[in-house]
Amino acid sequence: MRVKILSKTGSFGGVRYNTNKVDRQTGKLMSIRNFGILQDAAHNLKPEEVKNYLKSWSASNTRVKDPQLHVMISCKGRENTKEELTQIAENWLEKMGYGENPFIIVAHSDTNNNHVHIVSSRIDKNGKKINDSFEGDRGNRILQNILKQHPHQAINEDVKKLEAYSFSSLAQFKLLYEKSGYSVREQDGNINLFKTGELVKTYSQNDITSLLASKKTNEKRISQLQAIFKKYSSKVDTTLRQEHQNLAGGRKGKVIGYKSDLTEQLKEKFGIDIVFHFKDGLPPYGYTVIDRAKKSVFKGSEIMKLKQFTGNRPVQKYSEAGERAFIANKYNVDNPKQSKLLARYYKIPEYKINCNRQLSSLEKIHYREMLNYFLDRNSFDNLSRLNIKAYRESGEWFLLDVGSMNIITASEILNQNHYDTLNNSYTNDQEIDNDLDRSFSGFNTNVFANDVDDSKARKKRKKKVNR
């Protein structure tokens, strides 16, 4: 296990980096602490609200230009669960002097190694900078001291809890431990369990035989799960999506798993983990059900046939247009003009915009007060400092807040003077189109598989050129 110190900035961009992981369901917010009057609603804060709080906290010391603390703590493989890493991270923050500072901890699940990211401020509550001399070395020394104090008793208790699960095969036994954060290795007929690189338990062949013989299939629970699966598979999308290993430079590596809206609902509502079995990135050929609530492991086909569980639909592969549509559909949309603008901004067909969220009256009041106050003192060119840009669609002006993912009808928010200034700022839509092109020029199209709609469009353009 190790600590890695990441970027120092004044914009607290680490917040958005981690909340994007949460939005894409490759991350989970594990802990958010010390956010003052906002703490009661902290888990519902928007990324920009978290960033703004960290900025205001850090503003007591203007000499520190880059107050962001962004740290990653990672383990080998799945040797530690995200809950264990979160506890270690909170302990680490305390010993490094950040215990009373506002911070967030986000667990990532997009690589082969479990890891958490921490974002906080380097300024303490008294306005003093927290010592960062030899921070990397000191941080790793503190981490190793924490690990040495990690009680083996807790691991032994955890192993006993897992032994209490019902399972019917050695494969299910091994999968249960692997998905619970242990490394499982076979040697000379024995099963060895490792945690944080240390051997914590050895099962002999006789141990395994006795353990398997003591288990009974929970037929009542199978019936309950069949009813749950049947109910939710008819209400929730069952289409499988590939999960890829994340590589350097934002590239996508090999397929490391599959999930769907249905599997996520089962986990969130019932504590049921679905593990799909596949080979070489091909569609799954089976699955296992780990029922955390009732401490049981089942072969998936005992509950529901794979084709029925996945709706017998083709796997949804990662695509450029799909990723853009996923982001675009996080925005609110009040009218067709906003849909058209979002489609133009994210370069996707308008029919892929399916948003139905609207700005609340409180959100509109917030924007009205903030933007008019800001524009009394700054020009529209400086709106980008707030991650907001003004765009015109079908003769009407809109403000696109790409930070909080909101689209605002300018005439509803801006006072007349500011709206008149905006209306006289640009003379044609072509200038806006060029800006839209530039704003998305950094999108890495090599990362994604070709989208079906994009490939058809390219073929049509090619035919026209050849005529």
Protein backbone atom coordinates (compact mmCIF):
# COMPACT_ATOMS: atom_id res chain seq x y z
CA MET A 1 0.00 0.00 0.00
CA ARG A 2 1.26 3.47 -0.78
CA VAL A 3 0.45 7.18 -0.75
CA LYS A 4 0.79 9.30 -3.87
CA ILE A 5 0.60 13.11 -3.68
CA LEU A 6 -1.25 14.49 -6.70
CA SER A 7 -1.65 17.97 -8.16
CA LYS A 8 -1.61 21.23 -6.18
CA THR A 9 -3.97 23.86 -7.60
CA GLY A 10 -5.96 26.87 -6.52
CA SER A 11 -9.09 25.79 -8.39
CA PHE A 12 -9.63 22.52 -6.47
CA GLY A 13 -10.01 20.64 -9.74
CA GLY A 14 -9.57 17.39 -7.81
CA VAL A 15 -13.20 17.73 -6.71
CA ARG A 16 -14.53 17.58 -10.26
CA TYR A 17 -12.09 14.81 -11.20
CA ASN A 18 -13.52 12.63 -8.44
CA THR A 19 -17.18 13.57 -8.79
CA ASN A 20 -16.93 12.73 -12.49
CA LYS A 21 -15.94 9.22 -11.38
CA VAL A 22 -19.06 9.10 -9.21
CA ASP A 23 -21.24 10.34 -12.09
CA ARG A 24 -19.81 7.65 -14.37
CA GLN A 25 -20.42 5.05 -11.66
CA THR A 26 -16.72 4.18 -11.39
CA GLY A 27 -16.42 5.94 -8.04
CA LYS A 28 -18.30 6.27 -4.76
CA LEU A 29 -18.29 9.13 -2.27
CA MET A 30 -17.21 7.40 0.94
CA SER A 31 -16.70 10.31 3.33
CA ILE A 32 -17.26 14.06 3.41
CA ARG A 33 -16.40 15.86 6.64
CA ASN A 34 -16.06 19.27 8.30
CA PHE A 35 -18.20 21.30 5.89
CA GLY A 36 -19.61 23.56 8.60
CA ILE A 37 -23.22 24.61 8.17
CA LEU A 38 -23.38 22.57 4.97
CA GLN A 39 -22.44 19.30 6.71
CA ASP A 40 -26.01 18.09 7.30
CA ALA A 41 -26.62 18.11 3.54
CA ALA A 42 -23.00 17.39 2.59
CA HIS A 43 -23.70 14.18 0.63
CA ASN A 44 -26.10 16.15 -1.61
CA LEU A 45 -23.73 19.03 -2.35
CA LYS A 46 -22.90 19.72 -5.99
CA PRO A 47 -19.25 19.65 -7.07
CA GLU A 48 -19.14 23.43 -7.48
CA GLU A 49 -20.53 23.92 -3.97
CA VAL A 50 -17.81 21.65 -2.55
CA LYS A 51 -15.14 23.53 -4.53
CA ASN A 52 -16.47 26.92 -3.46
CA TYR A 53 -16.46 25.89 0.21
CA LEU A 54 -12.85 24.70 -0.05
CA LYS A 55 -11.91 27.95 -1.81
CA SER A 56 -13.58 30.10 0.86
CA TRP A 57 -11.92 28.02 3.62
CA SER A 58 -8.53 28.56 1.97
CA ALA A 59 -9.08 32.29 1.37
CA SER A 60 -7.87 33.07 4.91
CA ASN A 61 -4.30 32.65 3.63
CA THR A 62 -3.79 34.45 0.31
CA ARG A 63 -0.05 33.76 0.29
CA VAL A 64 -0.66 30.10 -0.63
CA LYS A 65 -1.51 30.13 -4.33
CA ASP A 66 -2.19 26.39 -4.71
CA PRO A 67 -3.94 25.23 -1.53
CA GLN A 68 -5.43 21.98 -2.86
CA LEU A 69 -4.38 18.72 -1.22
CA HIS A 70 -5.10 15.82 -3.60
CA VAL A 71 -3.86 12.41 -2.48
CA MET A 72 -4.33 8.82 -3.62
CA ILE A 73 -3.99 5.83 -1.29
CA SER A 74 -3.92 2.51 -3.13
CA CYS A 75 -3.46 -1.14 -2.24
CA LYS A 76 -2.38 -4.17 -4.24
CA GLY A 77 -5.29 -5.64 -6.15
CA ARG A 78 -8.35 -6.11 -3.94
CA GLU A 79 -6.46 -6.73 -0.72
CA ASN A 80 -8.38 -3.91 1.00
CA THR A 81 -12.03 -3.03 0.58
CA LYS A 82 -13.08 0.55 -0.13
CA GLU A 83 -14.42 0.77 3.44
CA GLU A 84 -11.04 -0.25 4.88
CA LEU A 85 -9.20 2.20 2.63
CA THR A 86 -11.56 4.97 3.73
CA GLN A 87 -10.86 4.25 7.39
CA ILE A 88 -7.13 4.24 6.71
CA ALA A 89 -7.43 7.52 4.75
CA GLU A 90 -9.29 9.24 7.60
CA ASN A 91 -6.64 8.03 10.05
CA TRP A 92 -3.91 9.28 7.69
CA LEU A 93 -5.51 12.74 7.42
CA GLU A 94 -5.66 13.01 11.20
CA LYS A 95 -1.99 12.13 11.67
CA MET A 96 -0.90 14.45 8.80
CA GLY A 97 -2.66 17.43 10.44
CA TYR A 98 -5.74 17.62 8.18
CA GLY A 99 -8.24 16.02 10.58
CA GLU A 100 -10.20 19.24 11.23
CA ASN A 101 -10.11 20.49 7.62
CA PRO A 102 -12.98 19.95 5.17
CA PHE A 103 -12.26 16.90 3.02
CA ILE A 104 -13.86 14.35 0.72
CA ILE A 105 -12.80 10.73 0.15
CA VAL A 106 -13.88 8.98 -3.05
CA ALA A 107 -13.26 5.28 -3.75
CA HIS A 108 -12.46 4.37 -7.36
CA SER A 109 -13.34 1.03 -8.97
CA ASP A 110 -11.95 1.54 -12.48
CA THR A 111 -8.54 -0.12 -12.13
CA ASN A 112 -7.21 -3.48 -11.00
CA ASN A 113 -6.08 -1.93 -7.70
CA ASN A 114 -8.58 -0.64 -5.15
CA HIS A 115 -7.79 2.98 -4.25
CA VAL A 116 -9.26 6.12 -2.73
CA HIS A 117 -8.68 9.79 -3.51
CA ILE A 118 -8.64 12.53 -0.88
CA VAL A 119 -9.28 16.21 -1.64
CA SER A 120 -8.81 18.83 1.09
CA SER A 121 -7.21 22.23 1.77
CA ARG A 122 -3.63 22.81 2.93
CA ILE A 123 -4.84 25.74 5.07
CA ASP A 124 -5.89 24.97 8.64
CA LYS A 125 -8.76 26.55 10.56
CA ASN A 126 -6.44 29.30 11.86
CA GLY A 127 -5.35 30.33 8.38
CA LYS A 128 -1.91 28.70 8.64
CA LYS A 129 -0.44 26.44 5.98
CA ILE A 130 -0.09 22.82 7.06
CA ASN A 131 3.50 21.62 6.83
CA ASP A 132 4.12 19.91 3.47
CA SER A 133 7.90 19.45 3.70
CA PHE A 134 8.92 16.01 2.37
CA GLU A 135 5.20 15.32 2.22
CA GLY A 136 5.40 12.20 0.11
CA ASP A 137 8.01 10.47 2.27
CA ARG A 138 6.34 11.53 5.51
CA GLY A 139 2.94 10.46 4.23
CA ASN A 140 4.16 6.98 3.35
CA ARG A 141 5.93 6.59 6.72
CA ILE A 142 2.73 7.53 8.52
CA LEU A 143 0.77 5.11 6.33
CA GLN A 144 3.11 2.24 7.19
CA ASN A 145 2.76 3.04 10.91
CA ILE A 146 -1.02 2.95 10.54
CA LEU A 147 -0.86 -0.43 8.80
CA LYS A 148 1.37 -1.90 11.51
CA GLN A 149 -1.28 -0.94 14.05
CA HIS A 150 -4.03 -2.55 11.93
CA PRO A 151 -5.57 -5.12 14.29
CA HIS A 152 -5.39 -8.73 13.07
CA GLN A 153 -8.38 -9.38 15.28
CA ALA A 154 -10.58 -7.43 12.86
CA ILE A 155 -9.38 -9.61 9.97
CA ASN A 156 -10.06 -12.78 11.94
CA GLU A 157 -13.58 -11.58 12.72
CA ASP A 158 -14.11 -10.74 9.06
CA VAL A 159 -12.98 -14.23 8.01
CA LYS A 160 -15.42 -15.79 10.49
CA LYS A 161 -18.27 -13.73 9.04
CA LEU A 162 -17.44 -14.93 5.53
CA GLU A 163 -17.24 -18.54 6.70
CA ALA A 164 -20.85 -18.15 7.88
CA TYR A 165 -22.03 -17.61 4.29
CA SER A 166 -23.72 -20.49 2.52
CA PHE A 167 -22.05 -21.59 -0.75
CA SER A 168 -22.07 -24.79 -2.73
CA SER A 169 -18.68 -24.99 -4.49
CA LEU A 170 -15.00 -24.16 -4.11
CA ALA A 171 -15.35 -21.64 -6.94
CA GLN A 172 -18.08 -19.77 -5.01
CA PHE A 173 -15.95 -19.88 -1.85
CA LYS A 174 -12.98 -18.30 -3.65
CA LEU A 175 -15.12 -15.70 -5.42
CA LEU A 176 -16.72 -14.63 -2.13
CA TYR A 177 -13.32 -13.93 -0.57
CA GLU A 178 -11.94 -12.20 -3.68
CA LYS A 179 -14.93 -9.88 -3.82
CA SER A 180 -14.48 -9.17 -0.10
CA GLY A 181 -10.96 -7.80 -0.56
CA TYR A 182 -8.78 -10.88 -0.14
CA SER A 183 -6.22 -12.38 -2.47
CA VAL A 184 -6.86 -16.11 -2.85
CA ARG A 185 -4.02 -18.43 -3.88
CA GLU A 186 -3.89 -22.21 -4.18
CA GLN A 187 -0.69 -24.03 -3.21
CA ASP A 188 -0.17 -27.77 -2.66
CA GLY A 189 -3.90 -28.30 -2.35
CA ASN A 190 -4.28 -25.59 0.28
CA ILE A 191 -6.16 -22.30 -0.05
CA ASN A 192 -4.20 -19.29 1.26
CA LEU A 193 -5.89 -15.96 2.01
CA PHE A 194 -3.85 -12.75 1.89
CA LYS A 195 -4.75 -9.27 3.14
CA THR A 196 -2.53 -6.21 2.67
CA GLY A 197 0.15 -8.58 1.39
CA GLU A 198 0.14 -10.75 4.53
CA LEU A 199 -0.99 -14.37 4.84
CA VAL A 200 -3.98 -14.28 7.20
CA LYS A 201 -5.55 -17.73 6.82
CA THR A 202 -4.81 -21.15 5.32
CA TYR A 203 -7.46 -23.75 4.55
CA SER A 204 -6.41 -27.34 4.00
CA GLN A 205 -8.29 -29.66 1.65
CA ASN A 206 -10.00 -31.23 4.67
CA ASP A 207 -11.01 -27.77 5.94
CA ILE A 208 -12.62 -26.93 2.61
CA THR A 209 -14.37 -30.30 2.38
CA SER A 210 -15.77 -29.93 5.89
CA LEU A 211 -16.82 -26.34 5.25
CA LEU A 212 -18.66 -27.24 2.04
CA ALA A 213 -20.34 -30.25 3.67
CA SER A 214 -21.71 -28.02 6.45
CA LYS A 215 -23.54 -25.70 4.04
CA LYS A 216 -27.18 -25.99 3.05
CA THR A 217 -28.88 -24.25 0.14
CA ASN A 218 -31.35 -21.62 1.30
CA GLU A 219 -34.33 -22.58 -0.86
CA LYS A 220 -36.56 -19.96 0.76
CA ARG A 221 -34.10 -17.22 -0.14
CA ILE A 222 -33.91 -18.48 -3.74
CA SER A 223 -37.68 -18.00 -4.03
CA GLN A 224 -37.41 -14.51 -2.57
CA LEU A 225 -34.62 -13.55 -4.96
CA GLN A 226 -36.56 -14.93 -7.93
CA ALA A 227 -39.45 -12.62 -7.02
CA ILE A 228 -37.10 -9.63 -6.57
CA PHE A 229 -35.30 -10.27 -9.87
CA LYS A 230 -38.57 -10.71 -11.76
CA LYS A 231 -40.04 -7.51 -10.34
CA TYR A 232 -37.03 -5.28 -10.99
CA SER A 233 -36.03 -6.74 -14.37
CA SER A 234 -39.40 -5.57 -15.68
CA LYS A 235 -38.91 -2.02 -14.35
CA VAL A 236 -35.18 -1.31 -14.75
CA ASP A 237 -32.92 -1.40 -17.83
CA THR A 238 -31.15 -4.78 -18.05
CA THR A 239 -28.75 -3.82 -20.85
CA LEU A 240 -25.17 -4.78 -19.93
CA ARG A 241 -22.42 -2.17 -20.14
CA GLN A 242 -18.75 -3.00 -20.33
CA GLU A 243 -16.40 -1.80 -17.60
CA HIS A 244 -12.87 -1.10 -18.83
CA GLN A 245 -9.52 -0.86 -17.15
CA ASN A 246 -8.37 2.77 -17.14
CA LEU A 247 -4.93 3.36 -18.64
CA ALA A 248 -2.62 6.36 -18.68
CA GLY A 249 -3.74 9.27 -20.84
CA GLY A 250 -7.42 8.47 -20.41
CA ARG A 251 -7.21 5.40 -22.63
CA LYS A 252 -9.43 2.39 -22.05
CA GLY A 253 -7.83 -1.00 -21.48
CA LYS A 254 -9.25 -4.50 -21.37
CA VAL A 255 -12.77 -5.32 -20.20
CA ILE A 256 -12.72 -5.99 -16.46
CA GLY A 257 -16.44 -6.47 -15.85
CA TYR A 258 -20.05 -5.87 -16.80
CA LYS A 259 -22.89 -4.05 -15.10
CA SER A 260 -26.38 -2.73 -15.82
CA ASP A 261 -28.94 -0.46 -14.23
CA LEU A 262 -30.53 -3.62 -12.83
CA THR A 263 -27.33 -4.85 -11.13
CA GLU A 264 -26.78 -1.42 -9.60
CA GLN A 265 -30.34 -1.30 -8.26
CA LEU A 266 -29.98 -4.77 -6.72
CA LYS A 267 -26.76 -3.74 -4.98
CA GLU A 268 -28.09 -0.41 -3.72
CA LYS A 269 -31.48 -1.63 -2.51
CA PHE A 270 -30.77 -5.19 -1.38
CA GLY A 271 -27.00 -5.54 -0.90
CA ILE A 272 -26.81 -8.05 -3.75
CA ASP A 273 -23.56 -8.23 -5.76
CA ILE A 274 -23.75 -9.64 -9.29
CA VAL A 275 -20.49 -11.03 -10.69
CA PHE A 276 -20.53 -11.87 -14.40
CA HIS A 277 -18.24 -14.55 -15.81
CA PHE A 278 -16.66 -13.85 -19.19
CA LYS A 279 -13.50 -14.43 -21.18
CA ASP A 280 -11.41 -12.15 -23.43
CA GLY A 281 -13.95 -9.33 -23.37
CA LEU A 282 -16.70 -11.50 -24.88
CA PRO A 283 -20.28 -11.27 -23.53
CA PRO A 284 -20.82 -13.11 -20.22
CA TYR A 285 -21.61 -16.82 -20.26
CA GLY A 286 -22.86 -16.92 -16.67
CA TYR A 287 -23.06 -15.07 -13.38
CA THR A 288 -22.90 -15.50 -9.61
CA VAL A 289 -25.11 -13.85 -6.98
CA ILE A 290 -23.50 -12.77 -3.68
CA ASP A 291 -26.33 -11.97 -1.29
CA ARG A 292 -24.71 -9.84 1.43
CA ALA A 293 -27.99 -9.32 3.28
CA LYS A 294 -28.66 -13.02 3.84
CA LYS A 295 -25.03 -14.22 3.67
CA SER A 296 -25.47 -16.58 0.74
CA VAL A 297 -23.82 -17.24 -2.62
CA PHE A 298 -25.86 -18.65 -5.51
CA LYS A 299 -25.26 -19.74 -9.05
CA GLY A 300 -27.08 -17.13 -11.13
CA SER A 301 -29.09 -19.64 -13.15
CA GLU A 302 -30.67 -20.85 -9.89
CA ILE A 303 -32.36 -17.47 -9.64
CA MET A 304 -32.90 -16.42 -13.28
CA LYS A 305 -31.48 -17.57 -16.60
CA LEU A 306 -28.76 -15.29 -17.96
CA LYS A 307 -30.69 -14.38 -21.13
CA GLN A 308 -33.70 -13.40 -19.06
CA PHE A 309 -31.59 -11.49 -16.53
CA THR A 310 -29.91 -9.42 -19.27
CA GLY A 311 -33.06 -9.11 -21.40
CA ASN A 312 -31.16 -11.00 -24.14
CA ARG A 313 -29.97 -7.60 -25.39
CA PRO A 314 -26.62 -6.93 -27.04
CA VAL A 315 -23.93 -5.57 -24.73
CA GLN A 316 -23.73 -1.78 -24.81
CA LYS A 317 -20.14 -0.99 -25.77
CA TYR A 318 -18.38 2.18 -24.75
CA SER A 319 -18.72 4.78 -27.49
CA GLU A 320 -17.77 8.41 -28.05
CA ALA A 321 -21.34 9.53 -28.71
CA GLY A 322 -22.59 7.45 -25.81
CA GLU A 323 -20.17 9.15 -23.43
CA ARG A 324 -21.19 12.58 -24.69
CA ALA A 325 -24.88 11.72 -24.35
CA PHE A 326 -24.27 10.42 -20.83
CA ILE A 327 -22.77 13.78 -19.81
CA ALA A 328 -25.37 15.85 -21.67
CA ASN A 329 -28.23 14.04 -19.96
CA LYS A 330 -27.01 15.25 -16.57
CA TYR A 331 -28.23 18.77 -17.46
CA ASN A 332 -31.64 20.24 -16.81
CA VAL A 333 -33.77 20.95 -19.89
CA ASP A 334 -36.75 23.32 -19.76
CA ASN A 335 -37.53 23.62 -23.46
CA PRO A 336 -36.63 22.34 -26.97
CA LYS A 337 -34.15 25.18 -27.54
CA GLN A 338 -32.08 23.99 -24.59
CA SER A 339 -32.15 20.45 -26.01
CA LYS A 340 -30.96 21.74 -29.35
CA LEU A 341 -28.12 23.74 -27.76
CA LEU A 342 -26.94 20.77 -25.67
CA ALA A 343 -26.99 18.53 -28.76
CA ARG A 344 -24.91 21.10 -30.64
CA TYR A 345 -22.49 21.58 -27.73
CA TYR A 346 -21.86 17.88 -27.21
CA LYS A 347 -22.04 17.05 -30.94
CA ILE A 348 -24.71 14.40 -30.67
CA PRO A 349 -28.10 13.94 -32.39
CA GLU A 350 -30.86 15.87 -30.66
CA TYR A 351 -32.94 12.72 -30.13
CA LYS A 352 -30.26 11.50 -27.69
CA ILE A 353 -31.10 14.32 -25.27
CA ASN A 354 -33.60 12.80 -22.84
CA CYS A 355 -33.25 15.18 -19.90
CA ASN A 356 -36.27 15.99 -17.77
CA ARG A 357 -34.71 17.79 -14.79
CA GLN A 358 -35.62 21.46 -14.35
CA LEU A 359 -34.00 24.21 -12.34
CA SER A 360 -35.77 24.73 -9.03
CA SER A 361 -36.92 28.19 -7.95
CA LEU A 362 -34.14 28.22 -5.32
CA GLU A 363 -31.52 27.42 -7.96
CA LYS A 364 -32.79 30.26 -10.13
CA ILE A 365 -32.63 32.68 -7.20
CA HIS A 366 -29.06 31.55 -6.52
CA TYR A 367 -28.01 32.15 -10.13
CA ARG A 368 -29.84 35.50 -10.30
CA GLU A 369 -28.07 36.87 -7.24
CA MET A 370 -24.66 35.40 -8.06
CA LEU A 371 -24.49 36.28 -11.75
CA ASN A 372 -25.84 39.82 -11.52
CA TYR A 373 -23.48 40.55 -8.63
CA PHE A 374 -20.58 39.09 -10.62
CA LEU A 375 -21.44 40.96 -13.85
CA ASP A 376 -21.73 44.26 -11.99
CA ARG A 377 -17.97 43.90 -11.42
CA ASN A 378 -16.80 41.79 -14.38
CA SER A 379 -17.34 41.49 -18.12
CA PHE A 380 -19.00 38.51 -19.83
CA ASP A 381 -15.57 37.38 -20.97
CA ASN A 382 -14.79 36.60 -17.33
CA LEU A 383 -17.76 34.26 -16.92
CA SER A 384 -15.42 31.40 -17.79
CA ARG A 385 -13.88 31.86 -14.33
CA LEU A 386 -17.16 30.42 -13.02
CA ASN A 387 -17.17 27.66 -15.67
CA ILE A 388 -20.08 29.43 -17.34
CA LYS A 389 -20.35 30.41 -21.01
CA ALA A 390 -23.03 32.24 -22.93
CA TYR A 391 -24.44 30.69 -26.13
CA ARG A 392 -27.26 31.63 -28.47
CA GLU A 393 -29.75 29.13 -29.83
CA SER A 394 -32.58 29.99 -32.24
CA GLY A 395 -32.32 33.69 -31.41
CA GLU A 396 -32.34 33.23 -27.62
CA TRP A 397 -29.45 33.41 -25.15
CA PHE A 398 -28.57 30.69 -22.66
CA LEU A 399 -25.89 30.35 -19.98
CA LEU A 400 -24.21 26.96 -19.90
CA ASP A 401 -22.79 26.11 -16.46
CA VAL A 402 -20.51 23.18 -17.30
CA GLY A 403 -19.32 23.01 -13.68
CA SER A 404 -22.70 22.35 -12.05
CA MET A 405 -24.18 20.97 -15.29
CA ASN A 406 -27.01 23.46 -15.55
CA ILE A 407 -28.38 25.32 -18.56
CA ILE A 408 -30.04 28.64 -17.79
CA THR A 409 -32.31 30.82 -19.89
CA ALA A 410 -30.47 34.13 -19.69
CA SER A 411 -33.58 36.36 -19.85
CA GLU A 412 -34.95 34.69 -16.69
CA ILE A 413 -31.80 35.37 -14.68
CA LEU A 414 -30.03 38.50 -15.90
CA ASN A 415 -31.28 42.02 -15.26
CA GLN A 416 -32.09 44.13 -18.32
CA ASN A 417 -28.74 45.94 -18.47
CA HIS A 418 -26.74 42.73 -18.41
CA TYR A 419 -29.03 41.02 -20.90
CA ASP A 420 -28.72 43.96 -23.31
CA THR A 421 -24.92 43.79 -22.97
CA LEU A 422 -25.01 40.06 -23.74
CA ASN A 423 -27.37 40.53 -26.67
CA ASN A 424 -24.97 43.02 -28.24
CA SER A 425 -21.88 40.89 -27.65
CA TYR A 426 -22.15 38.64 -30.72
CA THR A 427 -23.58 39.27 -34.16
CA ASN A 428 -23.94 35.77 -35.64
CA ASP A 429 -24.23 32.12 -34.63
CA GLN A 430 -21.15 31.12 -36.64
CA GLU A 431 -18.91 32.68 -34.02
CA ILE A 432 -20.67 30.65 -31.35
CA ASP A 433 -20.36 27.46 -33.42
CA ASN A 434 -16.60 27.98 -33.63
CA ASP A 435 -16.48 28.41 -29.87
CA LEU A 436 -18.44 25.19 -29.43
CA ASP A 437 -15.96 23.35 -31.63
CA ARG A 438 -13.04 24.66 -29.59
CA SER A 439 -14.72 23.80 -26.28
CA PHE A 440 -14.94 20.13 -27.19
CA SER A 441 -11.74 19.84 -29.22
CA GLY A 442 -9.98 18.16 -26.28
CA PHE A 443 -12.30 15.17 -26.33
CA ASN A 444 -10.16 12.06 -26.88
CA THR A 445 -11.97 10.29 -29.70
CA ASN A 446 -9.35 7.52 -29.85
CA VAL A 447 -10.51 6.25 -26.47
CA PHE A 448 -13.89 5.04 -27.60
CA ALA A 449 -15.31 2.49 -30.02
CA ASN A 450 -17.09 3.89 -33.06
CA ASP A 451 -20.70 4.77 -32.41
CA VAL A 452 -23.18 3.22 -34.84
CA ASP A 453 -24.71 6.57 -35.77
CA ASP A 454 -21.26 8.13 -36.30
CA SER A 455 -20.08 5.31 -38.57
CA LYS A 456 -23.20 5.56 -40.74
CA ALA A 457 -22.72 9.29 -41.12
CA ARG A 458 -19.09 8.79 -42.17
CA LYS A 459 -20.09 6.24 -44.81
CA LYS A 460 -22.65 8.65 -46.25
CA ARG A 461 -20.09 11.47 -46.43
CA LYS A 462 -17.59 9.14 -48.09
CA LYS A 463 -20.10 8.17 -50.78
CA LYS A 464 -20.80 11.82 -51.54
CA VAL A 465 -17.10 12.54 -51.93
CA ASN A 466 -16.61 9.60 -54.30
CA ARG A 467 -19.46 10.61 -56.62
